[in-house]
Amino acid sequence: MSRVIDDVREFRTVAGLAAVAGFVDGVGFVALGGFFLSFITGNSTRSAVMLVGGDLGAVAVGLSIVATFVVGVIVGGVVGAVADRRRRSAVLATVAVLLALAGVVHLLVHATLPSALVLTAGMGALNAAFARRGGAVAVTYMTGMLVTAGLRVADRVLGRGTATWLQPLGLWTALTLGAVAGAAAYRLLGFTAPAIALAVVVLAAGVAYRAGQ
């Protein structure tokens, strides 16, 4: 469930991290030839289609990404719960470690999939940074945000709502532009491109820590 983000600074943080998720997704999509590292629904659908087509290798890749993403969410949730009031900075620090580890793995094994799986775990963990009992802010997936934007426009048309549709649309835009940047960066820098996402996450973790979050 997605919730409304009331604080402007928090919205900017979420938008920035959504852009990071899009960036990593763009890198993964190009590197793996059409698999996503944070848009897990897309991998689920592709795996199902590939299963019907008999491409078991592609099915294995897709399902391994799905499983690794879930593991990342669990890790992020546990870290966040243990950190309590420092949840955001602790989870973001964990994401940063995973992004850095992906680079190390790539240098050691010179294979894309193992590194991509570590990146996927990082994207799963990223969703735990803003989790609360009242719901979670979508960071790596934006379908719900588009639905929210559309329903809010519908309420405006009917004259029975005042909630802004720009906020959810802005998050979708951030993720989409991040994906554009990620795909372009991968074509220029190869698998060193995630270092850009790492720098942004480290900065966000530092800001959250200084804010006592």
N, C-alpha and C. Protein backbone atom coordinates (compact mmCIF):
# COMPACT_ATOMS: atom_id res chain seq x y z
N MET A 1 0.84 -1.20 0.00
CA MET A 1 0.00 0.00 0.00
C MET A 1 0.87 1.24 0.00
N SER A 2 0.57 2.19 -0.85
CA SER A 2 1.33 3.42 -0.92
C SER A 2 0.66 4.48 -0.07
N ARG A 3 1.42 5.29 0.58
CA ARG A 3 0.85 6.35 1.39
C ARG A 3 1.27 7.71 0.84
N VAL A 4 0.58 8.74 1.30
CA VAL A 4 0.88 10.10 0.86
C VAL A 4 2.13 10.58 1.57
N ILE A 5 2.98 11.30 0.85
CA ILE A 5 4.19 11.86 1.43
C ILE A 5 3.92 13.33 1.72
N ASP A 6 3.83 13.68 3.00
CA ASP A 6 3.44 15.03 3.36
C ASP A 6 4.61 16.01 3.34
N ASP A 7 5.79 15.56 3.69
CA ASP A 7 6.93 16.45 3.79
C ASP A 7 7.63 16.60 2.44
N VAL A 8 7.88 17.84 2.04
CA VAL A 8 8.48 18.10 0.74
C VAL A 8 9.87 17.49 0.64
N ARG A 9 10.65 17.61 1.72
CA ARG A 9 12.01 17.05 1.71
C ARG A 9 11.98 15.53 1.59
N GLU A 10 11.01 14.91 2.26
CA GLU A 10 10.92 13.46 2.16
C GLU A 10 10.53 13.06 0.74
N PHE A 11 9.64 13.84 0.13
CA PHE A 11 9.25 13.54 -1.25
C PHE A 11 10.47 13.61 -2.17
N ARG A 12 11.31 14.61 -1.96
CA ARG A 12 12.51 14.72 -2.79
C ARG A 12 13.43 13.53 -2.60
N THR A 13 13.53 13.06 -1.35
CA THR A 13 14.37 11.90 -1.07
C THR A 13 13.83 10.66 -1.76
N VAL A 14 12.51 10.45 -1.64
CA VAL A 14 11.90 9.29 -2.27
C VAL A 14 12.05 9.36 -3.79
N ALA A 15 11.84 10.56 -4.35
CA ALA A 15 11.98 10.73 -5.80
C ALA A 15 13.41 10.43 -6.24
N GLY A 16 14.38 10.88 -5.45
CA GLY A 16 15.78 10.62 -5.78
C GLY A 16 16.10 9.13 -5.75
N LEU A 17 15.56 8.44 -4.75
CA LEU A 17 15.82 7.00 -4.65
C LEU A 17 15.03 6.22 -5.70
N ALA A 18 13.87 6.74 -6.10
CA ALA A 18 13.14 6.12 -7.21
C ALA A 18 13.96 6.23 -8.49
N ALA A 19 14.62 7.37 -8.65
CA ALA A 19 15.50 7.55 -9.81
C ALA A 19 16.65 6.56 -9.76
N VAL A 20 17.18 6.30 -8.56
CA VAL A 20 18.24 5.30 -8.39
C VAL A 20 17.73 3.92 -8.82
N ALA A 21 16.52 3.58 -8.38
CA ALA A 21 15.94 2.29 -8.75
C ALA A 21 15.78 2.19 -10.26
N GLY A 22 15.31 3.27 -10.88
CA GLY A 22 15.18 3.28 -12.34
C GLY A 22 16.52 3.15 -13.02
N PHE A 23 17.52 3.81 -12.45
CA PHE A 23 18.88 3.77 -13.00
C PHE A 23 19.41 2.33 -12.99
N VAL A 24 19.30 1.68 -11.85
CA VAL A 24 19.78 0.30 -11.73
C VAL A 24 18.98 -0.63 -12.63
N ASP A 25 17.68 -0.38 -12.74
CA ASP A 25 16.85 -1.18 -13.62
C ASP A 25 17.28 -1.02 -15.08
N GLY A 26 17.59 0.22 -15.46
CA GLY A 26 18.05 0.47 -16.82
C GLY A 26 19.36 -0.25 -17.11
N VAL A 27 20.26 -0.21 -16.14
CA VAL A 27 21.53 -0.93 -16.29
C VAL A 27 21.29 -2.42 -16.46
N GLY A 28 20.45 -2.97 -15.58
CA GLY A 28 20.19 -4.41 -15.62
C GLY A 28 19.49 -4.85 -16.89
N PHE A 29 18.56 -4.04 -17.35
CA PHE A 29 17.81 -4.40 -18.55
C PHE A 29 18.73 -4.53 -19.76
N VAL A 30 19.65 -3.58 -19.90
CA VAL A 30 20.59 -3.63 -21.03
C VAL A 30 21.61 -4.75 -20.83
N ALA A 31 22.13 -4.87 -19.60
CA ALA A 31 23.18 -5.85 -19.33
C ALA A 31 22.69 -7.29 -19.47
N LEU A 32 21.44 -7.53 -19.06
CA LEU A 32 20.90 -8.89 -19.07
C LEU A 32 20.02 -9.18 -20.28
N GLY A 33 19.93 -8.24 -21.18
CA GLY A 33 19.15 -8.47 -22.39
C GLY A 33 17.65 -8.56 -22.17
N GLY A 34 17.13 -7.72 -21.29
CA GLY A 34 15.68 -7.66 -21.14
C GLY A 34 15.12 -8.10 -19.80
N PHE A 35 15.97 -8.32 -18.83
CA PHE A 35 15.50 -8.62 -17.47
C PHE A 35 15.64 -7.37 -16.61
N PHE A 36 14.74 -7.25 -15.65
CA PHE A 36 14.73 -6.09 -14.75
C PHE A 36 15.35 -6.44 -13.40
N LEU A 37 15.93 -5.45 -12.76
CA LEU A 37 16.52 -5.66 -11.43
C LEU A 37 15.65 -5.11 -10.31
N SER A 38 14.65 -4.30 -10.65
CA SER A 38 13.75 -3.81 -9.61
C SER A 38 12.28 -3.94 -9.99
N PHE A 39 11.97 -4.01 -11.29
CA PHE A 39 10.60 -4.20 -11.76
C PHE A 39 10.31 -5.69 -11.81
N ILE A 40 10.01 -6.25 -10.65
CA ILE A 40 9.93 -7.70 -10.51
C ILE A 40 8.69 -8.29 -11.18
N THR A 41 7.63 -7.53 -11.26
CA THR A 41 6.44 -8.02 -11.96
C THR A 41 6.75 -8.34 -13.41
N GLY A 42 7.57 -7.48 -14.03
CA GLY A 42 7.96 -7.72 -15.41
C GLY A 42 8.73 -9.02 -15.58
N ASN A 43 9.60 -9.31 -14.61
CA ASN A 43 10.35 -10.57 -14.66
C ASN A 43 9.43 -11.77 -14.47
N SER A 44 8.43 -11.61 -13.62
CA SER A 44 7.48 -12.70 -13.38
C SER A 44 6.72 -13.02 -14.66
N THR A 45 6.24 -11.99 -15.34
CA THR A 45 5.52 -12.19 -16.59
C THR A 45 6.42 -12.79 -17.65
N ARG A 46 7.64 -12.27 -17.78
CA ARG A 46 8.55 -12.81 -18.78
C ARG A 46 8.90 -14.26 -18.50
N SER A 47 9.11 -14.61 -17.24
CA SER A 47 9.42 -15.99 -16.89
C SER A 47 8.28 -16.92 -17.27
N ALA A 48 7.05 -16.46 -17.04
CA ALA A 48 5.89 -17.27 -17.39
C ALA A 48 5.81 -17.49 -18.90
N VAL A 49 6.05 -16.43 -19.66
CA VAL A 49 6.02 -16.53 -21.12
C VAL A 49 7.13 -17.44 -21.62
N MET A 50 8.33 -17.29 -21.05
CA MET A 50 9.46 -18.12 -21.46
C MET A 50 9.23 -19.59 -21.11
N LEU A 51 8.51 -19.83 -20.00
CA LEU A 51 8.21 -21.21 -19.62
C LEU A 51 7.33 -21.86 -20.68
N VAL A 52 6.34 -21.14 -21.16
CA VAL A 52 5.47 -21.66 -22.21
C VAL A 52 6.27 -21.91 -23.48
N GLY A 53 7.25 -21.03 -23.75
CA GLY A 53 8.07 -21.17 -24.94
C GLY A 53 9.18 -22.20 -24.80
N GLY A 54 9.35 -22.76 -23.60
CA GLY A 54 10.35 -23.79 -23.39
C GLY A 54 11.76 -23.29 -23.13
N ASP A 55 11.92 -21.98 -22.91
CA ASP A 55 13.26 -21.42 -22.65
C ASP A 55 13.52 -21.48 -21.15
N LEU A 56 13.96 -22.62 -20.69
CA LEU A 56 14.14 -22.84 -19.25
C LEU A 56 15.29 -22.01 -18.68
N GLY A 57 16.28 -21.70 -19.52
CA GLY A 57 17.39 -20.86 -19.06
C GLY A 57 16.91 -19.47 -18.68
N ALA A 58 16.06 -18.89 -19.52
CA ALA A 58 15.50 -17.57 -19.22
C ALA A 58 14.59 -17.62 -18.00
N VAL A 59 13.85 -18.72 -17.87
CA VAL A 59 12.98 -18.89 -16.69
C VAL A 59 13.83 -18.89 -15.42
N ALA A 60 14.95 -19.60 -15.47
CA ALA A 60 15.82 -19.68 -14.30
C ALA A 60 16.38 -18.31 -13.93
N VAL A 61 16.77 -17.53 -14.94
CA VAL A 61 17.29 -16.19 -14.68
C VAL A 61 16.20 -15.32 -14.05
N GLY A 62 15.02 -15.34 -14.65
CA GLY A 62 13.93 -14.51 -14.14
C GLY A 62 13.55 -14.85 -12.72
N LEU A 63 13.42 -16.13 -12.43
CA LEU A 63 13.02 -16.54 -11.09
C LEU A 63 14.12 -16.31 -10.07
N SER A 64 15.38 -16.41 -10.49
CA SER A 64 16.48 -16.13 -9.55
C SER A 64 16.48 -14.65 -9.17
N ILE A 65 16.12 -13.79 -10.12
CA ILE A 65 16.04 -12.36 -9.81
C ILE A 65 14.88 -12.10 -8.84
N VAL A 66 13.74 -12.73 -9.10
CA VAL A 66 12.58 -12.57 -8.21
C VAL A 66 12.94 -13.00 -6.79
N ALA A 67 13.55 -14.18 -6.66
CA ALA A 67 13.90 -14.70 -5.33
C ALA A 67 14.90 -13.81 -4.62
N THR A 68 15.89 -13.32 -5.37
CA THR A 68 16.92 -12.47 -4.75
C THR A 68 16.32 -11.15 -4.30
N PHE A 69 15.40 -10.62 -5.07
CA PHE A 69 14.72 -9.37 -4.69
C PHE A 69 14.00 -9.54 -3.36
N VAL A 70 13.27 -10.65 -3.22
CA VAL A 70 12.54 -10.91 -1.98
C VAL A 70 13.50 -11.04 -0.80
N VAL A 71 14.62 -11.71 -1.02
CA VAL A 71 15.64 -11.83 0.03
C VAL A 71 16.12 -10.43 0.43
N GLY A 72 16.32 -9.56 -0.56
CA GLY A 72 16.74 -8.19 -0.27
C GLY A 72 15.73 -7.44 0.57
N VAL A 73 14.45 -7.62 0.24
CA VAL A 73 13.38 -6.98 1.03
C VAL A 73 13.43 -7.46 2.47
N ILE A 74 13.60 -8.76 2.65
CA ILE A 74 13.67 -9.33 4.00
C ILE A 74 14.86 -8.75 4.78
N VAL A 75 16.01 -8.72 4.12
CA VAL A 75 17.21 -8.17 4.77
C VAL A 75 16.97 -6.71 5.15
N GLY A 76 16.43 -5.93 4.23
CA GLY A 76 16.16 -4.53 4.53
C GLY A 76 15.16 -4.36 5.65
N GLY A 77 14.13 -5.22 5.67
CA GLY A 77 13.14 -5.15 6.74
C GLY A 77 13.73 -5.46 8.10
N VAL A 78 14.59 -6.48 8.15
CA VAL A 78 15.22 -6.86 9.42
C VAL A 78 16.16 -5.76 9.90
N VAL A 79 16.99 -5.24 8.98
CA VAL A 79 17.93 -4.17 9.34
C VAL A 79 17.16 -2.95 9.84
N GLY A 80 16.08 -2.60 9.13
CA GLY A 80 15.29 -1.44 9.53
C GLY A 80 14.66 -1.60 10.90
N ALA A 81 14.14 -2.80 11.17
CA ALA A 81 13.50 -3.06 12.46
C ALA A 81 14.51 -3.00 13.60
N VAL A 82 15.69 -3.54 13.38
CA VAL A 82 16.74 -3.52 14.41
C VAL A 82 17.22 -2.09 14.65
N ALA A 83 17.35 -1.32 13.58
CA ALA A 83 17.85 0.06 13.71
C ALA A 83 16.82 0.98 14.34
N ASP A 84 15.55 0.63 14.23
CA ASP A 84 14.45 1.39 14.84
C ASP A 84 14.43 2.84 14.36
N ARG A 85 14.80 3.80 15.21
CA ARG A 85 14.71 5.21 14.83
C ARG A 85 15.70 5.59 13.73
N ARG A 86 16.74 4.82 13.60
CA ARG A 86 17.73 5.07 12.55
C ARG A 86 17.45 4.18 11.33
N ARG A 87 16.22 3.80 11.18
CA ARG A 87 15.84 2.85 10.13
C ARG A 87 16.32 3.29 8.76
N ARG A 88 16.03 4.52 8.39
CA ARG A 88 16.31 4.95 7.02
C ARG A 88 17.80 4.92 6.71
N SER A 89 18.61 5.50 7.59
CA SER A 89 20.05 5.53 7.33
C SER A 89 20.64 4.14 7.35
N ALA A 90 20.15 3.26 8.24
CA ALA A 90 20.66 1.89 8.32
C ALA A 90 20.33 1.10 7.06
N VAL A 91 19.10 1.23 6.59
CA VAL A 91 18.70 0.52 5.38
C VAL A 91 19.46 1.05 4.17
N LEU A 92 19.61 2.36 4.07
CA LEU A 92 20.34 2.93 2.94
C LEU A 92 21.81 2.53 2.98
N ALA A 93 22.37 2.44 4.18
CA ALA A 93 23.76 1.98 4.30
C ALA A 93 23.88 0.54 3.82
N THR A 94 22.87 -0.28 4.13
CA THR A 94 22.85 -1.66 3.67
C THR A 94 22.77 -1.73 2.15
N VAL A 95 21.93 -0.88 1.57
CA VAL A 95 21.82 -0.82 0.11
C VAL A 95 23.16 -0.42 -0.50
N ALA A 96 23.81 0.56 0.12
CA ALA A 96 25.11 1.00 -0.39
C ALA A 96 26.13 -0.14 -0.37
N VAL A 97 26.13 -0.90 0.71
CA VAL A 97 27.05 -2.04 0.82
C VAL A 97 26.78 -3.05 -0.30
N LEU A 98 25.52 -3.31 -0.57
CA LEU A 98 25.17 -4.27 -1.61
C LEU A 98 25.56 -3.76 -3.01
N LEU A 99 25.37 -2.47 -3.24
CA LEU A 99 25.78 -1.90 -4.53
C LEU A 99 27.29 -1.99 -4.71
N ALA A 100 28.01 -1.70 -3.63
CA ALA A 100 29.47 -1.81 -3.70
C ALA A 100 29.90 -3.26 -3.88
N LEU A 101 29.22 -4.18 -3.19
CA LEU A 101 29.54 -5.60 -3.30
C LEU A 101 29.32 -6.11 -4.73
N ALA A 102 28.29 -5.57 -5.40
CA ALA A 102 28.03 -5.97 -6.78
C ALA A 102 29.22 -5.65 -7.67
N GLY A 103 29.83 -4.50 -7.43
CA GLY A 103 31.03 -4.13 -8.20
C GLY A 103 32.19 -5.06 -7.91
N VAL A 104 32.36 -5.42 -6.66
CA VAL A 104 33.44 -6.34 -6.28
C VAL A 104 33.23 -7.71 -6.92
N VAL A 105 31.99 -8.19 -6.88
CA VAL A 105 31.67 -9.48 -7.48
C VAL A 105 31.98 -9.47 -8.97
N HIS A 106 31.63 -8.37 -9.62
CA HIS A 106 31.89 -8.28 -11.06
C HIS A 106 33.38 -8.32 -11.37
N LEU A 107 34.17 -7.67 -10.53
CA LEU A 107 35.62 -7.68 -10.73
C LEU A 107 36.21 -9.07 -10.49
N LEU A 108 35.62 -9.83 -9.56
CA LEU A 108 36.16 -11.13 -9.21
C LEU A 108 35.76 -12.24 -10.18
N VAL A 109 34.51 -12.22 -10.61
CA VAL A 109 34.02 -13.35 -11.42
C VAL A 109 33.83 -12.99 -12.89
N HIS A 110 33.87 -11.70 -13.20
CA HIS A 110 33.73 -11.25 -14.59
C HIS A 110 32.49 -11.84 -15.26
N ALA A 111 31.40 -11.91 -14.51
CA ALA A 111 30.13 -12.39 -15.05
C ALA A 111 29.03 -11.43 -14.64
N THR A 112 28.09 -11.20 -15.54
CA THR A 112 27.07 -10.20 -15.30
C THR A 112 26.00 -10.65 -14.32
N LEU A 113 25.50 -11.88 -14.46
CA LEU A 113 24.37 -12.31 -13.64
C LEU A 113 24.65 -12.29 -12.15
N PRO A 114 25.78 -12.82 -11.65
CA PRO A 114 26.02 -12.75 -10.20
C PRO A 114 26.01 -11.32 -9.67
N SER A 115 26.64 -10.41 -10.41
CA SER A 115 26.66 -9.01 -10.00
C SER A 115 25.26 -8.42 -10.03
N ALA A 116 24.51 -8.77 -11.06
CA ALA A 116 23.14 -8.27 -11.19
C ALA A 116 22.26 -8.74 -10.05
N LEU A 117 22.47 -9.97 -9.60
CA LEU A 117 21.67 -10.49 -8.49
C LEU A 117 21.95 -9.72 -7.20
N VAL A 118 23.21 -9.33 -6.99
CA VAL A 118 23.53 -8.53 -5.81
C VAL A 118 22.86 -7.16 -5.90
N LEU A 119 22.87 -6.58 -7.10
CA LEU A 119 22.17 -5.31 -7.31
C LEU A 119 20.68 -5.47 -7.03
N THR A 120 20.12 -6.58 -7.45
CA THR A 120 18.69 -6.84 -7.22
C THR A 120 18.38 -6.90 -5.73
N ALA A 121 19.26 -7.55 -4.96
CA ALA A 121 19.07 -7.59 -3.51
C ALA A 121 19.07 -6.18 -2.93
N GLY A 122 19.95 -5.34 -3.46
CA GLY A 122 19.98 -3.95 -3.01
C GLY A 122 18.69 -3.22 -3.30
N MET A 123 18.12 -3.47 -4.48
CA MET A 123 16.85 -2.82 -4.83
C MET A 123 15.71 -3.33 -3.97
N GLY A 124 15.75 -4.60 -3.62
CA GLY A 124 14.74 -5.12 -2.70
C GLY A 124 14.84 -4.45 -1.34
N ALA A 125 16.06 -4.34 -0.83
CA ALA A 125 16.27 -3.71 0.47
C ALA A 125 15.86 -2.25 0.47
N LEU A 126 16.02 -1.59 -0.67
CA LEU A 126 15.70 -0.17 -0.77
C LEU A 126 14.25 0.12 -0.39
N ASN A 127 13.36 -0.79 -0.68
CA ASN A 127 11.94 -0.58 -0.37
C ASN A 127 11.65 -0.55 1.11
N ALA A 128 12.58 -1.06 1.93
CA ALA A 128 12.36 -1.07 3.38
C ALA A 128 12.73 0.25 4.03
N ALA A 129 13.35 1.16 3.28
CA ALA A 129 13.80 2.42 3.87
C ALA A 129 12.64 3.29 4.35
N PHE A 130 11.50 3.19 3.69
CA PHE A 130 10.36 4.05 4.03
C PHE A 130 9.15 3.25 4.50
N ALA A 131 9.37 2.00 4.91
CA ALA A 131 8.27 1.16 5.38
C ALA A 131 7.80 1.61 6.76
N ARG A 132 6.50 1.66 6.93
CA ARG A 132 5.90 1.98 8.22
C ARG A 132 4.67 1.12 8.41
N ARG A 133 4.11 1.15 9.61
CA ARG A 133 2.92 0.34 9.87
C ARG A 133 1.75 0.79 9.00
N GLY A 134 1.72 2.05 8.64
CA GLY A 134 0.65 2.56 7.80
C GLY A 134 0.83 2.27 6.34
N GLY A 135 1.87 1.54 5.97
CA GLY A 135 2.11 1.23 4.57
C GLY A 135 3.54 1.58 4.20
N ALA A 136 3.85 1.44 2.94
CA ALA A 136 5.20 1.72 2.46
C ALA A 136 5.14 2.59 1.22
N VAL A 137 6.10 3.48 1.11
CA VAL A 137 6.21 4.30 -0.08
C VAL A 137 6.87 3.48 -1.17
N ALA A 138 6.25 3.44 -2.33
CA ALA A 138 6.84 2.71 -3.45
C ALA A 138 8.13 3.39 -3.89
N VAL A 139 9.19 2.63 -3.99
CA VAL A 139 10.48 3.18 -4.43
C VAL A 139 10.94 2.52 -5.73
N THR A 140 10.76 1.20 -5.83
CA THR A 140 11.25 0.51 -7.03
C THR A 140 10.14 0.10 -7.98
N TYR A 141 8.90 0.39 -7.65
CA TYR A 141 7.79 0.03 -8.54
C TYR A 141 6.79 1.18 -8.53
N MET A 142 6.24 1.52 -9.71
CA MET A 142 5.44 2.72 -9.83
C MET A 142 4.06 2.52 -10.44
N THR A 143 3.65 1.29 -10.69
CA THR A 143 2.32 1.06 -11.23
C THR A 143 1.26 1.61 -10.29
N GLY A 144 1.45 1.36 -9.00
CA GLY A 144 0.51 1.87 -8.02
C GLY A 144 0.44 3.39 -8.01
N MET A 145 1.58 4.03 -8.27
CA MET A 145 1.59 5.49 -8.31
C MET A 145 0.79 6.02 -9.50
N LEU A 146 0.88 5.35 -10.63
CA LEU A 146 0.09 5.76 -11.79
C LEU A 146 -1.40 5.57 -11.53
N VAL A 147 -1.75 4.47 -10.85
CA VAL A 147 -3.14 4.24 -10.48
C VAL A 147 -3.62 5.34 -9.53
N THR A 148 -2.77 5.66 -8.55
CA THR A 148 -3.12 6.72 -7.60
C THR A 148 -3.33 8.05 -8.32
N ALA A 149 -2.42 8.39 -9.23
CA ALA A 149 -2.54 9.65 -9.98
C ALA A 149 -3.84 9.67 -10.78
N GLY A 150 -4.14 8.55 -11.45
CA GLY A 150 -5.36 8.49 -12.25
C GLY A 150 -6.62 8.63 -11.41
N LEU A 151 -6.64 7.96 -10.26
CA LEU A 151 -7.82 8.05 -9.39
C LEU A 151 -7.99 9.44 -8.80
N ARG A 152 -6.87 10.10 -8.53
CA ARG A 152 -6.97 11.46 -8.00
C ARG A 152 -7.47 12.43 -9.06
N VAL A 153 -7.07 12.22 -10.29
CA VAL A 153 -7.61 13.04 -11.39
C VAL A 153 -9.11 12.80 -11.52
N ALA A 154 -9.51 11.54 -11.42
CA ALA A 154 -10.93 11.20 -11.50
C ALA A 154 -11.71 11.90 -10.39
N ASP A 155 -11.16 11.92 -9.17
CA ASP A 155 -11.82 12.60 -8.05
C ASP A 155 -11.96 14.09 -8.33
N ARG A 156 -10.91 14.67 -8.92
CA ARG A 156 -10.98 16.10 -9.26
C ARG A 156 -12.08 16.36 -10.28
N VAL A 157 -12.17 15.49 -11.28
CA VAL A 157 -13.20 15.65 -12.32
C VAL A 157 -14.59 15.58 -11.70
N LEU A 158 -14.73 14.69 -10.72
CA LEU A 158 -16.03 14.50 -10.07
C LEU A 158 -16.29 15.53 -8.97
N GLY A 159 -15.26 16.33 -8.66
CA GLY A 159 -15.41 17.36 -7.65
C GLY A 159 -15.50 16.84 -6.23
N ARG A 160 -14.87 15.70 -5.98
CA ARG A 160 -14.97 15.14 -4.63
C ARG A 160 -13.62 14.83 -4.00
N GLY A 161 -12.58 15.45 -4.51
CA GLY A 161 -11.26 15.23 -3.94
C GLY A 161 -10.33 16.39 -4.21
N THR A 162 -9.38 16.61 -3.30
CA THR A 162 -8.43 17.71 -3.46
C THR A 162 -6.98 17.22 -3.44
N ALA A 163 -6.78 15.93 -3.28
CA ALA A 163 -5.41 15.40 -3.22
C ALA A 163 -4.71 15.61 -4.56
N THR A 164 -3.44 15.97 -4.49
CA THR A 164 -2.69 16.24 -5.72
C THR A 164 -2.33 14.97 -6.46
N TRP A 165 -2.41 15.02 -7.78
CA TRP A 165 -1.99 13.90 -8.62
C TRP A 165 -0.56 14.09 -9.10
N LEU A 166 0.01 15.25 -8.83
CA LEU A 166 1.36 15.54 -9.30
C LEU A 166 2.42 14.75 -8.54
N GLN A 167 2.17 14.51 -7.26
CA GLN A 167 3.16 13.78 -6.45
C GLN A 167 3.39 12.35 -6.95
N PRO A 168 2.34 11.54 -7.09
CA PRO A 168 2.58 10.19 -7.61
C PRO A 168 3.11 10.19 -9.05
N LEU A 169 2.65 11.13 -9.85
CA LEU A 169 3.17 11.22 -11.22
C LEU A 169 4.64 11.61 -11.21
N GLY A 170 5.03 12.46 -10.26
CA GLY A 170 6.42 12.88 -10.14
C GLY A 170 7.34 11.71 -9.79
N LEU A 171 6.86 10.80 -8.94
CA LEU A 171 7.67 9.63 -8.58
C LEU A 171 7.85 8.71 -9.78
N TRP A 172 6.79 8.52 -10.55
CA TRP A 172 6.89 7.71 -11.76
C TRP A 172 7.89 8.34 -12.74
N THR A 173 7.82 9.66 -12.86
CA THR A 173 8.73 10.37 -13.76
C THR A 173 10.17 10.20 -13.31
N ALA A 174 10.41 10.28 -12.00
CA ALA A 174 11.77 10.13 -11.47
C ALA A 174 12.32 8.75 -11.81
N LEU A 175 11.52 7.71 -11.61
CA LEU A 175 11.99 6.37 -11.92
C LEU A 175 12.27 6.21 -13.42
N THR A 176 11.39 6.76 -14.24
CA THR A 176 11.54 6.64 -15.69
C THR A 176 12.79 7.35 -16.18
N LEU A 177 13.01 8.57 -15.71
CA LEU A 177 14.22 9.30 -16.11
C LEU A 177 15.48 8.60 -15.59
N GLY A 178 15.38 8.00 -14.41
CA GLY A 178 16.51 7.24 -13.89
C GLY A 178 16.85 6.08 -14.79
N ALA A 179 15.81 5.41 -15.32
CA ALA A 179 16.03 4.28 -16.24
C ALA A 179 16.72 4.74 -17.51
N VAL A 180 16.32 5.90 -18.02
CA VAL A 180 16.98 6.46 -19.21
C VAL A 180 18.46 6.68 -18.93
N ALA A 181 18.73 7.30 -17.78
CA ALA A 181 20.12 7.57 -17.41
C ALA A 181 20.91 6.28 -17.21
N GLY A 182 20.28 5.26 -16.60
CA GLY A 182 20.97 4.00 -16.36
C GLY A 182 21.33 3.28 -17.64
N ALA A 183 20.40 3.24 -18.59
CA ALA A 183 20.67 2.58 -19.86
C ALA A 183 21.79 3.29 -20.61
N ALA A 184 21.75 4.63 -20.59
CA ALA A 184 22.78 5.41 -21.27
C ALA A 184 24.13 5.22 -20.59
N ALA A 185 24.14 5.22 -19.26
CA ALA A 185 25.39 5.07 -18.51
C ALA A 185 26.01 3.71 -18.75
N TYR A 186 25.17 2.66 -18.83
CA TYR A 186 25.72 1.33 -19.06
C TYR A 186 26.39 1.25 -20.44
N ARG A 187 25.80 1.89 -21.44
CA ARG A 187 26.38 1.86 -22.78
C ARG A 187 27.72 2.60 -22.82
N LEU A 188 27.87 3.57 -21.94
CA LEU A 188 29.13 4.34 -21.90
C LEU A 188 30.16 3.73 -20.96
N LEU A 189 29.70 3.21 -19.81
CA LEU A 189 30.62 2.80 -18.75
C LEU A 189 30.62 1.31 -18.45
N GLY A 190 29.69 0.57 -19.05
CA GLY A 190 29.61 -0.84 -18.74
C GLY A 190 29.13 -1.06 -17.32
N PHE A 191 29.60 -2.12 -16.68
CA PHE A 191 29.10 -2.46 -15.35
C PHE A 191 29.71 -1.62 -14.24
N THR A 192 30.48 -0.60 -14.60
CA THR A 192 30.91 0.36 -13.58
C THR A 192 29.85 1.43 -13.36
N ALA A 193 28.84 1.46 -14.22
CA ALA A 193 27.78 2.47 -14.12
C ALA A 193 27.08 2.48 -12.76
N PRO A 194 26.83 1.33 -12.11
CA PRO A 194 26.17 1.36 -10.80
C PRO A 194 26.90 2.17 -9.74
N ALA A 195 28.18 2.50 -9.99
CA ALA A 195 28.90 3.34 -9.04
C ALA A 195 28.21 4.70 -8.88
N ILE A 196 27.54 5.14 -9.92
CA ILE A 196 26.79 6.41 -9.85
C ILE A 196 25.64 6.26 -8.87
N ALA A 197 24.91 5.15 -8.96
CA ALA A 197 23.81 4.89 -8.03
C ALA A 197 24.35 4.76 -6.61
N LEU A 198 25.50 4.13 -6.46
CA LEU A 198 26.12 3.97 -5.14
C LEU A 198 26.40 5.33 -4.51
N ALA A 199 26.92 6.26 -5.29
CA ALA A 199 27.24 7.58 -4.77
C ALA A 199 25.98 8.30 -4.28
N VAL A 200 24.90 8.17 -5.02
CA VAL A 200 23.64 8.81 -4.62
C VAL A 200 23.10 8.20 -3.33
N VAL A 201 23.16 6.87 -3.22
CA VAL A 201 22.66 6.20 -2.02
C VAL A 201 23.50 6.55 -0.80
N VAL A 202 24.80 6.61 -0.96
CA VAL A 202 25.68 7.00 0.15
C VAL A 202 25.34 8.41 0.62
N LEU A 203 25.12 9.31 -0.33
CA LEU A 203 24.74 10.68 0.02
C LEU A 203 23.42 10.70 0.78
N ALA A 204 22.44 9.93 0.29
CA ALA A 204 21.13 9.88 0.95
C ALA A 204 21.24 9.29 2.35
N ALA A 205 22.10 8.28 2.51
CA ALA A 205 22.30 7.68 3.83
C ALA A 205 22.90 8.69 4.80
N GLY A 206 23.86 9.46 4.32
CA GLY A 206 24.48 10.48 5.15
C GLY A 206 23.50 11.55 5.58
N VAL A 207 22.65 11.98 4.65
CA VAL A 207 21.65 13.00 4.96
C VAL A 207 20.65 12.45 5.98
N ALA A 208 20.23 11.20 5.80
CA ALA A 208 19.29 10.59 6.73
C ALA A 208 19.90 10.44 8.12
N TYR A 209 21.16 10.08 8.17
CA TYR A 209 21.83 9.92 9.47
C TYR A 209 21.92 11.25 10.21
N ARG A 210 22.29 12.29 9.49
CA ARG A 210 22.38 13.61 10.12
C ARG A 210 21.02 14.11 10.59
N ALA A 211 19.95 13.64 9.93
CA ALA A 211 18.61 14.05 10.33
C ALA A 211 18.05 13.16 11.44
N GLY A 212 18.87 12.18 11.86
CA GLY A 212 18.44 11.30 12.94
C GLY A 212 17.42 10.25 12.51
N GLN A 213 17.44 9.94 11.23
CA GLN A 213 16.45 8.99 10.70
C GLN A 213 17.07 7.61 10.47
